[in-house]
Amino acid sequence: MTLHATERVWPDEDTDAMRGTIRWDAARSLWLVAMIAGGIAALVVTPSWGGALVFLVTTAVTICAGHSVGMHRLLIHRSFQTGRGLRYGLVWLGTLVGMSGPFGMIRAHDMRDWHQRQADCPPHPSHGAGFWQDAWWQLHCRFDLDHPPRFRIEPDIAEDPLFRWMERHWMAQQLWLAVPLFLMGGIGYVFWGVCLRVAVSLIGHWMVGHFAHKTGHQGWHVEGLPVQGFNLPGLGLITFGENWHGNHHAFPHSANLGIEGNQMDPGYGLIRVLKAFGLAHSVLGPLDRPPRDGLVRCGPDVGMAPRLQMIDLGAGT
C-alpha cells in the first residue's frame, strides 16, 4: 500500500498509517477539565454582563484573528503573507485559543490531513467514532502510531525563537490576558475571558471537526479517499468561515473558505481588510494552485454521483 507524503509528513518503508494506540493525554485532558471548571464558575459564581461581553470579544478575536486566520490560513497553509510583526501577533492570538502552541497545531493538523489522504484512515483522525467516543478521543487523548512517518516543519518556523517560546509556554500565554482581565474586573473576568472562552473554543472546534467529517453540504468530492469534508451551512458567523470544511478539503491552499455564493466567511473578510491596508499580500484563491488529484464537482444532492464540472470561482486575489 502506497503511503502518500505531504509537504511536512514523509513516510518511510516502516510507516503504517493504521497501527497505533489511542492514549490518554493527561496534560491536555486536565487542562480542559480546569477550563471547564472555571467556565462553570463564570456562569454560576460570577455572572455579569461585563463578563459576558469580555467572553464574546475575546472569543471573537482569538478564534477569528488567531485560530482561523493566524494559525490555520497563515501559519499552516500559507494562504497569504504578512510582515513578521503581524505574523507573530496573529499566531500568538491563535495560541491564546488554548489548543496548543504553533508547532503542536501544525503537527496535529498535518498529521490528521496526512491520515485523511491515505487509502485507509483509522477512526481517530477520521472522526470515525460516535459522538461521545469521538469527544473523548479528540479532547482527552492522542493517537500514537507504532511506526510514524517523519515530520518536518520548515526551518523558518521551526527555528524561529519567538515561535519556539510560544510553543514551550503555550498554556502560560493565558497569563498575558488573565492579568489585565483581573485588574479590570477581578477573578470573574478571568473566569469569563480565559476559562469559559478556552473551554468553549476547544469543545466548539472539536464539534465542527466532528460534524464536518460526517455529513452536510458537499460541493466537491475527492475520489479514492475514505474521508471527505462537508460544509455546515448556517455556522459561518460563529465559526468565522471554518464551517466550510468541504470547500477546504477541495482547495486547502485557499485563503477564502466560503467560495460559493452566500457562504459567509468572516476570516476571509479580515484578510481582505488587512490586504486593503497593505498588511497582507500574496492572498491565494481556490484557483491559484492546481486542483487536488481526484477532485470532482458534486451535484446539488450529496447522494448523486460526482460529475466533472468546476464552477467559475473567479480569479485569485
Protein backbone atom coordinates (compact mmCIF):
# COMPACT_ATOMS: atom_id res chain seq x y z
CA MET A 1 0.00 0.00 0.00
CA THR A 2 1.41 3.40 -1.02
CA LEU A 3 1.51 5.97 1.78
CA HIS A 4 1.32 9.39 0.20
CA ALA A 5 3.57 12.12 1.56
CA THR A 6 2.67 15.74 2.18
CA GLU A 7 4.88 18.80 2.43
CA ARG A 8 5.65 18.13 6.10
CA VAL A 9 4.88 14.41 6.54
CA TRP A 10 7.16 11.83 4.94
CA PRO A 11 6.53 8.10 5.43
CA ASP A 12 9.30 5.55 5.10
CA GLU A 13 9.20 1.82 4.43
CA ASP A 14 8.25 1.02 8.05
CA THR A 15 5.47 3.59 8.32
CA ASP A 16 2.00 2.20 8.94
CA ALA A 17 -0.90 4.67 8.96
CA MET A 18 -3.30 2.23 10.63
CA ARG A 19 -1.43 0.62 13.52
CA GLY A 20 -1.29 2.69 16.64
CA THR A 21 -2.67 3.25 20.14
CA ILE A 22 -5.09 5.84 21.47
CA ARG A 23 -3.69 7.07 24.81
CA TRP A 24 -4.99 9.44 27.43
CA ASP A 25 -3.17 12.76 27.15
CA ALA A 26 -3.04 13.80 30.80
CA ALA A 27 -1.79 17.36 30.32
CA ARG A 28 -4.39 18.38 27.74
CA SER A 29 -7.18 16.46 29.45
CA LEU A 30 -6.58 18.12 32.81
CA TRP A 31 -6.14 21.47 31.09
CA LEU A 32 -9.60 21.16 29.51
CA VAL A 33 -11.19 19.99 32.77
CA ALA A 34 -9.71 23.01 34.57
CA MET A 35 -11.03 25.37 31.89
CA ILE A 36 -14.49 23.80 32.06
CA ALA A 37 -14.49 24.18 35.86
CA GLY A 38 -13.53 27.84 35.55
CA GLY A 39 -16.17 28.32 32.86
CA ILE A 40 -18.85 26.87 35.13
CA ALA A 41 -17.65 29.23 37.86
CA ALA A 42 -18.08 32.15 35.46
CA LEU A 43 -21.70 31.24 34.83
CA VAL A 44 -22.64 30.22 38.37
CA VAL A 45 -20.38 32.11 40.79
CA THR A 46 -19.55 35.35 38.95
CA PRO A 47 -22.32 36.01 36.42
CA SER A 48 -22.25 39.51 34.91
CA TRP A 49 -23.00 41.35 31.70
CA GLY A 50 -19.46 42.70 31.75
CA GLY A 51 -18.06 39.20 31.94
CA ALA A 52 -20.29 38.07 29.08
CA LEU A 53 -19.02 40.95 26.95
CA VAL A 54 -15.43 40.03 27.79
CA PHE A 55 -16.16 36.45 26.75
CA LEU A 56 -17.70 37.47 23.43
CA VAL A 57 -14.96 39.92 22.49
CA THR A 58 -12.00 37.74 23.48
CA THR A 59 -13.55 34.67 21.84
CA ALA A 60 -14.21 36.50 18.58
CA VAL A 61 -10.70 37.97 18.42
CA THR A 62 -8.83 34.78 19.31
CA ILE A 63 -10.92 32.44 17.14
CA CYS A 64 -11.15 34.70 14.09
CA ALA A 65 -7.84 36.58 14.01
CA GLY A 66 -5.93 33.94 15.96
CA HIS A 67 -7.06 30.44 15.09
CA SER A 68 -8.80 30.80 11.72
CA VAL A 69 -6.62 33.49 10.16
CA GLY A 70 -3.32 33.30 12.06
CA MET A 71 -2.84 29.62 12.81
CA HIS A 72 -4.87 27.92 10.10
CA ARG A 73 -4.71 30.05 6.96
CA LEU A 74 -1.41 31.87 7.56
CA LEU A 75 0.90 29.56 9.52
CA ILE A 76 -0.35 26.12 8.47
CA HIS A 77 -1.45 26.67 4.88
CA ARG A 78 0.46 29.85 3.99
CA SER A 79 -2.55 31.01 2.01
CA PHE A 80 -1.45 34.63 2.44
CA GLN A 81 1.60 36.51 3.69
CA THR A 82 2.18 39.36 6.15
CA GLY A 83 5.07 41.19 7.72
CA ARG A 84 6.88 39.46 10.57
CA GLY A 85 5.33 41.53 13.38
CA LEU A 86 1.74 40.93 12.28
CA ARG A 87 2.53 37.26 11.70
CA TYR A 88 3.74 36.92 15.28
CA GLY A 89 0.67 38.73 16.58
CA LEU A 90 -1.83 36.61 14.69
CA VAL A 91 -0.14 33.33 15.64
CA TRP A 92 0.10 34.43 19.27
CA LEU A 93 -3.63 35.13 19.28
CA GLY A 94 -4.06 31.61 17.92
CA THR A 95 -2.02 30.25 20.80
CA LEU A 96 -4.41 32.04 23.18
CA VAL A 97 -7.22 29.80 21.89
CA GLY A 98 -5.69 27.21 24.21
CA MET A 99 -5.29 24.20 21.93
CA SER A 100 -1.52 24.13 21.60
CA GLY A 101 1.47 26.16 20.54
CA PRO A 102 2.29 26.81 16.86
CA PHE A 103 4.31 23.61 16.40
CA GLY A 104 1.69 21.49 18.11
CA MET A 105 -1.04 22.99 15.95
CA ILE A 106 0.91 22.34 12.76
CA ARG A 107 1.65 18.75 13.78
CA ALA A 108 -1.94 17.99 14.83
CA HIS A 109 -3.36 19.49 11.64
CA ASP A 110 -0.88 18.00 9.20
CA MET A 111 -0.88 14.51 10.71
CA ARG A 112 -4.68 14.46 10.53
CA ASP A 113 -4.52 15.72 6.95
CA TRP A 114 -1.93 13.07 6.06
CA HIS A 115 -4.07 10.31 7.55
CA GLN A 116 -7.12 11.50 5.65
CA ARG A 117 -5.18 11.46 2.35
CA GLN A 118 -4.40 7.72 2.66
CA ALA A 119 -6.42 4.93 1.09
CA ASP A 120 -7.35 3.79 4.62
CA CYS A 121 -7.75 6.04 7.65
CA PRO A 122 -8.17 4.92 11.27
CA PRO A 123 -11.16 6.15 13.26
CA HIS A 124 -9.31 8.66 15.43
CA PRO A 125 -8.01 11.03 12.71
CA SER A 126 -11.11 10.45 10.57
CA HIS A 127 -13.59 11.33 13.37
CA GLY A 128 -15.00 7.91 12.59
CA ALA A 129 -16.29 7.13 16.07
CA GLY A 130 -19.67 8.07 17.51
CA PHE A 131 -20.30 11.46 19.11
CA TRP A 132 -19.31 10.71 22.71
CA GLN A 133 -16.49 8.34 21.83
CA ASP A 134 -15.04 10.89 19.42
CA ALA A 135 -15.36 13.61 22.06
CA TRP A 136 -13.28 11.58 24.50
CA TRP A 137 -10.69 10.68 21.89
CA GLN A 138 -10.28 14.16 20.42
CA LEU A 139 -10.47 16.24 23.61
CA HIS A 140 -8.67 13.97 26.07
CA CYS A 141 -6.50 11.53 24.10
CA ARG A 142 -3.87 11.30 21.38
CA PHE A 143 -3.24 8.72 18.67
CA ASP A 144 0.32 7.36 18.68
CA LEU A 145 1.36 5.35 15.63
CA ASP A 146 3.58 2.32 16.19
CA HIS A 147 5.71 3.37 13.20
CA PRO A 148 5.04 7.05 12.49
CA PRO A 149 6.26 8.95 9.44
CA ARG A 150 8.99 11.57 9.59
CA PHE A 151 7.64 15.02 10.39
CA ARG A 152 9.47 18.17 9.37
CA ILE A 153 8.37 21.75 9.99
CA GLU A 154 10.05 24.22 7.67
CA PRO A 155 13.09 25.93 9.26
CA ASP A 156 11.73 29.49 9.09
CA ILE A 157 9.03 28.36 11.54
CA ALA A 158 10.78 25.61 13.49
CA GLU A 159 13.88 27.69 14.21
CA ASP A 160 12.12 30.96 14.96
CA PRO A 161 12.88 31.87 18.60
CA LEU A 162 9.54 33.56 19.23
CA PHE A 163 7.57 30.63 17.86
CA ARG A 164 9.70 28.30 19.98
CA TRP A 165 8.88 30.40 23.05
CA MET A 166 5.14 30.27 22.25
CA GLU A 167 5.35 26.51 21.83
CA ARG A 168 7.29 25.91 25.02
CA HIS A 169 4.93 28.02 27.16
CA TRP A 170 1.65 27.78 25.29
CA MET A 171 -0.50 27.28 28.40
CA ALA A 172 1.22 30.12 30.25
CA GLN A 173 0.38 32.53 27.41
CA GLN A 174 -3.04 32.91 29.04
CA LEU A 175 -1.38 34.96 31.79
CA TRP A 176 -0.83 37.83 29.35
CA LEU A 177 -4.61 38.09 29.11
CA ALA A 178 -5.56 36.93 32.60
CA VAL A 179 -3.58 39.63 34.43
CA PRO A 180 -5.20 42.65 32.71
CA LEU A 181 -8.62 40.99 32.95
CA PHE A 182 -8.10 40.52 36.69
CA LEU A 183 -7.14 44.17 37.06
CA MET A 184 -10.24 45.20 35.11
CA GLY A 185 -12.85 43.00 36.77
CA GLY A 186 -11.37 40.62 39.29
CA ILE A 187 -11.40 36.85 39.16
CA GLY A 188 -14.81 36.87 37.47
CA TYR A 189 -13.39 38.41 34.31
CA VAL A 190 -10.63 35.78 34.31
CA PHE A 191 -13.25 33.03 34.53
CA TRP A 192 -15.19 34.56 31.62
CA GLY A 193 -12.33 35.74 29.42
CA VAL A 194 -9.94 32.83 29.91
CA CYS A 195 -11.59 29.70 31.30
CA LEU A 196 -15.01 29.84 29.65
CA ARG A 197 -13.52 31.12 26.40
CA VAL A 198 -10.92 28.33 26.19
CA ALA A 199 -13.44 25.62 27.15
CA VAL A 200 -15.99 26.77 24.54
CA SER A 201 -13.27 27.19 21.91
CA LEU A 202 -11.85 23.69 22.40
CA ILE A 203 -15.21 21.94 22.52
CA GLY A 204 -16.56 24.01 19.64
CA HIS A 205 -13.51 23.27 17.50
CA TRP A 206 -13.94 19.55 18.07
CA MET A 207 -17.69 19.67 17.30
CA VAL A 208 -17.14 21.46 13.98
CA GLY A 209 -14.46 18.91 13.05
CA HIS A 210 -16.68 16.02 14.09
CA PHE A 211 -19.74 17.00 12.08
CA ALA A 212 -17.75 18.40 9.13
CA HIS A 213 -16.41 14.88 8.51
CA LYS A 214 -19.79 13.19 8.89
CA THR A 215 -22.43 14.79 6.70
CA GLY A 216 -23.63 18.09 5.33
CA HIS A 217 -23.48 20.02 2.07
CA GLN A 218 -20.87 18.71 -0.33
CA GLY A 219 -19.82 20.72 -3.37
CA TRP A 220 -16.76 18.61 -4.17
CA HIS A 221 -15.64 15.03 -3.73
CA VAL A 222 -12.06 13.71 -3.69
CA GLU A 223 -12.15 10.32 -5.37
CA GLY A 224 -10.27 7.41 -3.83
CA LEU A 225 -10.24 8.75 -0.26
CA PRO A 226 -12.26 7.29 2.63
CA VAL A 227 -12.63 10.64 4.43
CA GLN A 228 -14.49 13.56 2.85
CA GLY A 229 -15.14 17.07 4.08
CA PHE A 230 -18.59 18.61 4.33
CA ASN A 231 -19.88 22.14 4.68
CA LEU A 232 -22.06 23.06 7.67
CA PRO A 233 -24.38 25.83 6.42
CA GLY A 234 -25.61 28.43 8.89
CA LEU A 235 -22.47 28.42 11.05
CA GLY A 236 -20.32 30.85 9.06
CA LEU A 237 -20.60 33.72 11.53
CA ILE A 238 -19.86 31.83 14.74
CA THR A 239 -17.06 29.72 13.20
CA PHE A 240 -15.58 32.61 11.16
CA GLY A 241 -15.72 30.50 7.99
CA GLU A 242 -14.24 27.28 9.36
CA ASN A 243 -17.59 25.55 8.83
CA TRP A 244 -16.96 25.38 5.05
CA HIS A 245 -14.85 22.29 5.51
CA GLY A 246 -15.89 20.61 2.29
CA ASN A 247 -14.55 23.61 0.40
CA HIS A 248 -11.37 23.44 2.45
CA HIS A 249 -10.83 19.77 1.56
CA ALA A 250 -11.23 20.71 -2.10
CA PHE A 251 -8.96 23.78 -2.02
CA PRO A 252 -6.76 23.57 1.11
CA HIS A 253 -4.46 26.34 -0.13
CA SER A 254 -7.24 28.93 -0.46
CA ALA A 255 -7.49 31.84 1.97
CA ASN A 256 -11.16 32.03 1.06
CA LEU A 257 -13.16 29.15 2.53
CA GLY A 258 -16.65 30.41 1.67
CA ILE A 259 -16.04 30.20 -2.06
CA GLU A 260 -19.60 29.76 -3.29
CA GLY A 261 -22.45 32.27 -3.22
CA ASN A 262 -23.85 33.31 0.18
CA GLN A 263 -21.19 31.41 2.16
CA MET A 264 -20.24 33.79 4.96
CA ASP A 265 -16.51 33.78 5.75
CA PRO A 266 -15.56 36.48 8.28
CA GLY A 267 -11.99 35.15 8.45
CA TYR A 268 -11.51 35.88 4.77
CA GLY A 269 -13.13 39.26 5.33
CA LEU A 270 -10.41 40.09 7.85
CA ILE A 271 -7.72 39.03 5.38
CA ARG A 272 -9.24 41.32 2.75
CA VAL A 273 -9.19 44.21 5.22
CA LEU A 274 -5.53 43.52 6.01
CA LYS A 275 -4.78 43.46 2.29
CA ALA A 276 -6.63 46.73 1.71
CA PHE A 277 -4.40 48.40 4.31
CA GLY A 278 -1.26 46.90 2.81
CA LEU A 279 -0.75 44.49 5.71
CA ALA A 280 -1.33 41.26 3.76
CA HIS A 281 -0.27 40.14 0.30
CA SER A 282 0.04 37.04 -1.89
CA VAL A 283 -3.52 36.04 -0.93
CA LEU A 284 -4.38 32.74 -2.63
CA GLY A 285 -7.77 31.90 -4.06
CA PRO A 286 -9.13 28.45 -4.91
CA LEU A 287 -7.83 28.54 -8.50
CA ASP A 288 -4.34 29.81 -7.67
CA ARG A 289 -2.96 26.29 -7.28
CA PRO A 290 -3.55 23.11 -9.32
CA PRO A 291 -6.62 21.14 -8.18
CA ARG A 292 -6.20 18.14 -5.92
CA ASP A 293 -5.85 14.76 -7.59
CA GLY A 294 -9.25 13.14 -7.87
CA LEU A 295 -11.22 16.34 -7.20
CA VAL A 296 -14.62 16.32 -8.90
CA ARG A 297 -17.63 18.58 -8.67
CA CYS A 298 -20.73 17.20 -6.96
CA GLY A 299 -24.30 17.93 -7.89
CA PRO A 300 -26.71 19.77 -5.60
CA ASP A 301 -27.69 16.48 -3.97
CA VAL A 302 -24.97 14.95 -1.77
CA GLY A 303 -26.03 11.47 -2.78
CA MET A 304 -25.77 11.93 -6.53
CA ALA A 305 -22.74 10.76 -8.47
CA PRO A 306 -19.93 13.32 -8.70
CA ARG A 307 -19.56 14.95 -12.10
CA LEU A 308 -16.54 16.59 -13.64
CA GLN A 309 -17.69 20.18 -13.66
CA MET A 310 -15.83 23.03 -11.99
CA ILE A 311 -17.71 26.24 -11.40
CA ASP A 312 -16.23 29.63 -12.20
CA LEU A 313 -14.79 30.73 -8.88
CA GLY A 314 -13.32 33.93 -10.23
CA ALA A 315 -9.72 34.99 -10.35
CA GLY A 316 -7.44 34.60 -7.37
CA THR A 317 -6.65 37.51 -5.13
